[in-house]
Amino acid sequence: MTVAAYTAVLVALSLTSASYVVAGRGLSVVIGALLGSLVLRERAGVIRIAGAALMVIGLGLIAFA
């Protein structure tokens, strides 16, 4: 799995600028928190939701800048 993820990053870096790739990789934290809440029934507190929202907003700002 790690080899596939690293290969995907290298392909993405060859297709677009590094700022988009790094921002997209940071989104994996938000996806992990979402899956933890949905699949593992972890509590999503206000701080976790606010942090995830800030990361998504930042990614959106990078994408549209």
Protein backbone atom coordinates (compact mmCIF):
# COMPACT_ATOMS: atom_id res chain seq x y z
CA MET A 1 0.00 0.00 0.00
CA THR A 2 2.83 2.40 0.83
CA VAL A 3 4.50 1.80 -2.53
CA ALA A 4 1.24 2.53 -4.33
CA ALA A 5 0.72 5.75 -2.34
CA TYR A 6 4.28 6.90 -3.04
CA THR A 7 3.89 6.12 -6.73
CA ALA A 8 0.63 8.08 -6.82
CA VAL A 9 2.38 11.07 -5.26
CA LEU A 10 5.20 10.90 -7.82
CA VAL A 11 2.71 10.72 -10.69
CA ALA A 12 0.76 13.65 -9.25
CA LEU A 13 3.95 15.67 -8.91
CA SER A 14 4.72 15.06 -12.56
CA LEU A 15 1.25 16.26 -13.58
CA THR A 16 0.76 19.38 -11.45
CA SER A 17 2.60 21.72 -9.10
CA ALA A 18 3.83 20.58 -5.71
CA SER A 19 1.52 22.93 -3.78
CA TYR A 20 -1.56 21.09 -5.02
CA VAL A 21 -0.08 17.68 -4.25
CA VAL A 22 0.98 18.63 -0.72
CA ALA A 23 -2.44 20.13 -0.01
CA GLY A 24 -4.15 17.01 -1.30
CA ARG A 25 -1.97 14.79 0.87
CA GLY A 26 -2.90 16.88 3.89
CA LEU A 27 -6.53 16.13 3.19
CA SER A 28 -5.87 12.50 4.13
CA VAL A 29 -5.98 13.57 7.78
CA VAL A 30 -9.52 14.87 7.30
CA ILE A 31 -10.54 11.69 5.50
CA GLY A 32 -9.07 9.61 8.33
CA ALA A 33 -10.99 11.61 10.94
CA LEU A 34 -14.19 11.25 8.93
CA LEU A 35 -13.74 7.49 8.60
CA GLY A 36 -12.96 7.25 12.31
CA SER A 37 -16.23 8.95 13.10
CA LEU A 38 -18.32 6.95 10.65
CA VAL A 39 -16.77 3.49 10.80
CA LEU A 40 -15.28 3.32 14.30
CA ARG A 41 -17.92 5.52 15.94
CA GLU A 42 -15.32 7.85 17.45
CA ARG A 43 -16.58 11.11 18.90
CA ALA A 44 -16.05 14.10 16.65
CA GLY A 45 -15.64 17.00 19.05
CA VAL A 46 -15.93 20.66 18.19
CA ILE A 47 -12.16 21.07 17.93
CA ARG A 48 -11.81 18.14 15.53
CA ILE A 49 -14.64 19.40 13.33
CA ALA A 50 -13.26 22.95 13.34
CA GLY A 51 -9.77 21.70 12.44
CA ALA A 52 -11.11 19.57 9.60
CA ALA A 53 -13.16 22.50 8.31
CA LEU A 54 -10.12 24.77 8.36
CA MET A 55 -8.10 22.23 6.40
CA VAL A 56 -10.84 21.89 3.77
CA ILE A 57 -11.17 25.67 3.51
CA GLY A 58 -7.40 26.00 3.09
CA LEU A 59 -7.39 23.38 0.37
CA GLY A 60 -10.17 25.23 -1.39
CA LEU A 61 -8.24 28.49 -1.19
CA ILE A 62 -5.18 26.84 -2.68
CA ALA A 63 -7.23 25.27 -5.47
CA PHE A 64 -8.90 28.52 -6.48
CA ALA A 65 -5.88 30.82 -6.06
